[in-house]
Amino acid sequence: MKVNAYEIVIEIDGVKSCINLDDLYPAIKDWHTATEFAMMMAREANPDAIQIDFLECGEYELEGYEHIPYIHEAPFQVQ
């Protein structure tokens, strides 16, 4: 099964940070939703931040899942 991974680079109050995600997360379908998810995570983790900027997003195929024919989508649930 093809699994896409995303490396989102953001800047939080002038400090660069990298968030790595993949499309096994229920909310992530493509680079755009991965970027939105990363920005929300950054805002949640840094509530006192004055400025959070998106810098770039890299997309690549995640290795290690090729031998698995199907991965069931996880249900989206807030705990």
N, C-alpha and C. Protein backbone atom coordinates (compact mmCIF):
# COMPACT_ATOMS: atom_id res chain seq x y z
N MET A 1 0.84 -1.18 0.00
CA MET A 1 0.00 0.00 0.00
C MET A 1 0.89 1.24 0.00
N LYS A 2 0.53 2.21 -0.79
CA LYS A 2 1.28 3.46 -0.85
C LYS A 2 0.86 4.37 0.30
N VAL A 3 1.84 4.82 1.08
CA VAL A 3 1.59 5.75 2.17
C VAL A 3 2.44 7.00 1.91
N ASN A 4 1.79 8.13 1.82
CA ASN A 4 2.50 9.39 1.61
C ASN A 4 2.85 10.03 2.94
N ALA A 5 4.06 10.56 3.01
CA ALA A 5 4.53 11.26 4.20
C ALA A 5 4.76 12.72 3.84
N TYR A 6 4.64 13.58 4.83
CA TYR A 6 4.77 15.02 4.61
C TYR A 6 5.69 15.60 5.67
N GLU A 7 6.60 16.42 5.22
CA GLU A 7 7.52 17.13 6.11
C GLU A 7 7.18 18.61 6.01
N ILE A 8 6.51 19.12 7.02
CA ILE A 8 6.05 20.50 7.01
C ILE A 8 7.00 21.34 7.85
N VAL A 9 7.56 22.38 7.25
CA VAL A 9 8.46 23.28 7.96
C VAL A 9 7.69 24.56 8.26
N ILE A 10 7.68 24.92 9.54
CA ILE A 10 7.01 26.13 9.97
C ILE A 10 7.98 26.97 10.79
N GLU A 11 7.58 28.19 11.05
CA GLU A 11 8.40 29.07 11.88
C GLU A 11 7.51 29.62 12.99
N ILE A 12 7.92 29.36 14.23
CA ILE A 12 7.15 29.80 15.40
C ILE A 12 7.95 30.90 16.09
N ASP A 13 7.45 32.10 15.98
CA ASP A 13 8.12 33.28 16.55
C ASP A 13 9.59 33.34 16.17
N GLY A 14 9.87 33.10 14.89
CA GLY A 14 11.23 33.21 14.37
C GLY A 14 12.08 31.96 14.48
N VAL A 15 11.55 30.88 15.08
CA VAL A 15 12.30 29.63 15.25
C VAL A 15 11.71 28.57 14.33
N LYS A 16 12.55 28.02 13.44
CA LYS A 16 12.08 26.99 12.52
C LYS A 16 11.79 25.69 13.26
N SER A 17 10.76 25.01 12.78
CA SER A 17 10.36 23.74 13.36
C SER A 17 9.86 22.84 12.24
N CYS A 18 10.08 21.54 12.36
CA CYS A 18 9.66 20.59 11.34
C CYS A 18 8.66 19.61 11.96
N ILE A 19 7.55 19.41 11.28
CA ILE A 19 6.52 18.48 11.72
C ILE A 19 6.39 17.40 10.65
N ASN A 20 6.56 16.15 11.05
CA ASN A 20 6.45 15.02 10.13
C ASN A 20 5.12 14.31 10.34
N LEU A 21 4.36 14.17 9.26
CA LEU A 21 3.06 13.52 9.29
C LEU A 21 2.96 12.55 8.13
N ASP A 22 1.97 11.67 8.17
CA ASP A 22 1.69 10.81 7.03
C ASP A 22 0.18 10.68 6.86
N ASP A 23 -0.23 10.12 5.72
CA ASP A 23 -1.66 10.06 5.45
C ASP A 23 -2.37 8.89 6.12
N LEU A 24 -1.73 8.28 7.11
CA LEU A 24 -2.43 7.30 7.95
C LEU A 24 -3.25 8.01 9.03
N TYR A 25 -2.95 9.30 9.27
CA TYR A 25 -3.80 10.10 10.15
C TYR A 25 -5.15 10.26 9.46
N PRO A 26 -6.26 10.10 10.18
CA PRO A 26 -7.58 10.20 9.52
C PRO A 26 -7.85 11.55 8.86
N ALA A 27 -7.31 12.64 9.39
CA ALA A 27 -7.60 13.97 8.86
C ALA A 27 -6.72 14.35 7.67
N ILE A 28 -5.73 13.53 7.33
CA ILE A 28 -4.77 13.90 6.28
C ILE A 28 -5.03 13.10 5.01
N LYS A 29 -5.31 13.84 3.94
CA LYS A 29 -5.58 13.22 2.64
C LYS A 29 -4.56 13.62 1.58
N ASP A 30 -3.94 14.81 1.75
CA ASP A 30 -2.97 15.32 0.78
C ASP A 30 -2.09 16.36 1.47
N TRP A 31 -1.23 17.03 0.69
CA TRP A 31 -0.30 17.99 1.28
C TRP A 31 -1.04 19.17 1.91
N HIS A 32 -2.17 19.56 1.34
CA HIS A 32 -2.90 20.71 1.86
C HIS A 32 -3.49 20.41 3.24
N THR A 33 -4.13 19.25 3.40
CA THR A 33 -4.69 18.90 4.70
C THR A 33 -3.59 18.62 5.71
N ALA A 34 -2.44 18.10 5.26
CA ALA A 34 -1.31 17.87 6.17
C ALA A 34 -0.78 19.21 6.70
N THR A 35 -0.73 20.20 5.82
CA THR A 35 -0.26 21.53 6.22
C THR A 35 -1.23 22.17 7.22
N GLU A 36 -2.51 22.08 6.94
CA GLU A 36 -3.51 22.62 7.86
C GLU A 36 -3.43 21.94 9.22
N PHE A 37 -3.28 20.62 9.22
CA PHE A 37 -3.18 19.85 10.46
C PHE A 37 -1.94 20.27 11.24
N ALA A 38 -0.81 20.43 10.56
CA ALA A 38 0.43 20.84 11.22
C ALA A 38 0.30 22.24 11.83
N MET A 39 -0.35 23.14 11.12
CA MET A 39 -0.54 24.49 11.64
C MET A 39 -1.43 24.48 12.88
N MET A 40 -2.48 23.66 12.86
CA MET A 40 -3.34 23.54 14.05
C MET A 40 -2.59 22.92 15.22
N MET A 41 -1.75 21.92 14.94
CA MET A 41 -0.94 21.30 15.99
C MET A 41 0.02 22.32 16.60
N ALA A 42 0.64 23.11 15.76
CA ALA A 42 1.59 24.12 16.23
C ALA A 42 0.89 25.15 17.10
N ARG A 43 -0.29 25.57 16.69
CA ARG A 43 -1.05 26.56 17.47
C ARG A 43 -1.47 25.95 18.82
N GLU A 44 -1.86 24.70 18.82
CA GLU A 44 -2.27 24.03 20.06
C GLU A 44 -1.09 23.83 21.00
N ALA A 45 0.07 23.49 20.45
CA ALA A 45 1.25 23.24 21.27
C ALA A 45 1.92 24.53 21.74
N ASN A 46 1.65 25.63 21.05
CA ASN A 46 2.27 26.93 21.37
C ASN A 46 1.19 28.00 21.47
N PRO A 47 0.33 27.94 22.48
CA PRO A 47 -0.78 28.90 22.55
C PRO A 47 -0.34 30.35 22.76
N ASP A 48 0.86 30.57 23.27
CA ASP A 48 1.35 31.92 23.52
C ASP A 48 2.15 32.49 22.35
N ALA A 49 2.30 31.71 21.27
CA ALA A 49 3.07 32.18 20.12
C ALA A 49 2.37 33.37 19.47
N ILE A 50 3.16 34.34 19.09
CA ILE A 50 2.63 35.54 18.45
C ILE A 50 2.44 35.31 16.95
N GLN A 51 3.41 34.61 16.33
CA GLN A 51 3.35 34.41 14.89
C GLN A 51 3.79 33.00 14.53
N ILE A 52 2.96 32.30 13.77
CA ILE A 52 3.29 30.97 13.25
C ILE A 52 3.14 31.05 11.74
N ASP A 53 4.26 30.81 11.03
CA ASP A 53 4.28 30.92 9.57
C ASP A 53 4.58 29.58 8.94
N PHE A 54 3.91 29.29 7.83
CA PHE A 54 4.18 28.12 7.01
C PHE A 54 5.34 28.46 6.09
N LEU A 55 6.35 27.59 6.03
CA LEU A 55 7.50 27.82 5.14
C LEU A 55 7.49 26.90 3.93
N GLU A 56 7.36 25.58 4.17
CA GLU A 56 7.36 24.66 3.04
C GLU A 56 6.79 23.30 3.45
N CYS A 57 6.43 22.53 2.43
CA CYS A 57 5.92 21.18 2.67
C CYS A 57 6.55 20.25 1.65
N GLY A 58 7.21 19.20 2.14
CA GLY A 58 7.76 18.19 1.27
C GLY A 58 6.90 16.94 1.33
N GLU A 59 6.68 16.32 0.18
CA GLU A 59 5.86 15.10 0.11
C GLU A 59 6.70 13.97 -0.48
N TYR A 60 6.65 12.81 0.16
CA TYR A 60 7.38 11.66 -0.36
C TYR A 60 6.66 10.37 0.05
N GLU A 61 6.99 9.30 -0.64
CA GLU A 61 6.37 8.02 -0.34
C GLU A 61 7.10 7.38 0.84
N LEU A 62 6.35 7.01 1.85
CA LEU A 62 6.90 6.41 3.05
C LEU A 62 7.23 4.95 2.79
N GLU A 63 8.45 4.56 3.10
CA GLU A 63 8.88 3.17 2.88
C GLU A 63 8.50 2.32 4.08
N GLY A 64 8.32 1.03 3.84
CA GLY A 64 8.03 0.10 4.92
C GLY A 64 6.61 -0.43 4.90
N TYR A 65 5.77 0.11 4.04
CA TYR A 65 4.39 -0.34 3.96
C TYR A 65 4.08 -1.04 2.64
N GLU A 66 5.09 -1.23 1.79
CA GLU A 66 4.86 -1.82 0.47
C GLU A 66 4.30 -3.23 0.53
N HIS A 67 4.71 -3.99 1.55
CA HIS A 67 4.29 -5.39 1.64
C HIS A 67 2.89 -5.56 2.23
N ILE A 68 2.29 -4.50 2.74
CA ILE A 68 0.95 -4.57 3.33
C ILE A 68 -0.06 -4.19 2.24
N PRO A 69 -0.95 -5.10 1.88
CA PRO A 69 -1.88 -4.81 0.77
C PRO A 69 -2.93 -3.75 1.11
N TYR A 70 -3.35 -3.67 2.38
CA TYR A 70 -4.41 -2.72 2.73
C TYR A 70 -4.29 -2.34 4.19
N ILE A 71 -4.44 -1.06 4.49
CA ILE A 71 -4.47 -0.58 5.87
C ILE A 71 -5.81 0.11 6.05
N HIS A 72 -6.59 -0.37 6.99
CA HIS A 72 -7.91 0.21 7.23
C HIS A 72 -7.76 1.60 7.82
N GLU A 73 -8.59 2.53 7.34
CA GLU A 73 -8.53 3.89 7.83
C GLU A 73 -8.99 3.94 9.28
N ALA A 74 -8.24 4.64 10.11
CA ALA A 74 -8.57 4.77 11.53
C ALA A 74 -9.74 5.73 11.68
N PRO A 75 -10.65 5.45 12.60
CA PRO A 75 -11.77 6.38 12.80
C PRO A 75 -11.30 7.68 13.43
N PHE A 76 -11.90 8.78 13.02
CA PHE A 76 -11.55 10.08 13.58
C PHE A 76 -12.30 10.25 14.89
N GLN A 77 -11.56 10.43 15.96
CA GLN A 77 -12.20 10.54 17.27
C GLN A 77 -11.39 11.50 18.14
N VAL A 78 -12.07 12.41 18.78
CA VAL A 78 -11.43 13.34 19.70
C VAL A 78 -11.55 12.76 21.10
N GLN A 79 -10.42 12.69 21.80
CA GLN A 79 -10.44 12.13 23.15
C GLN A 79 -10.16 13.20 24.16
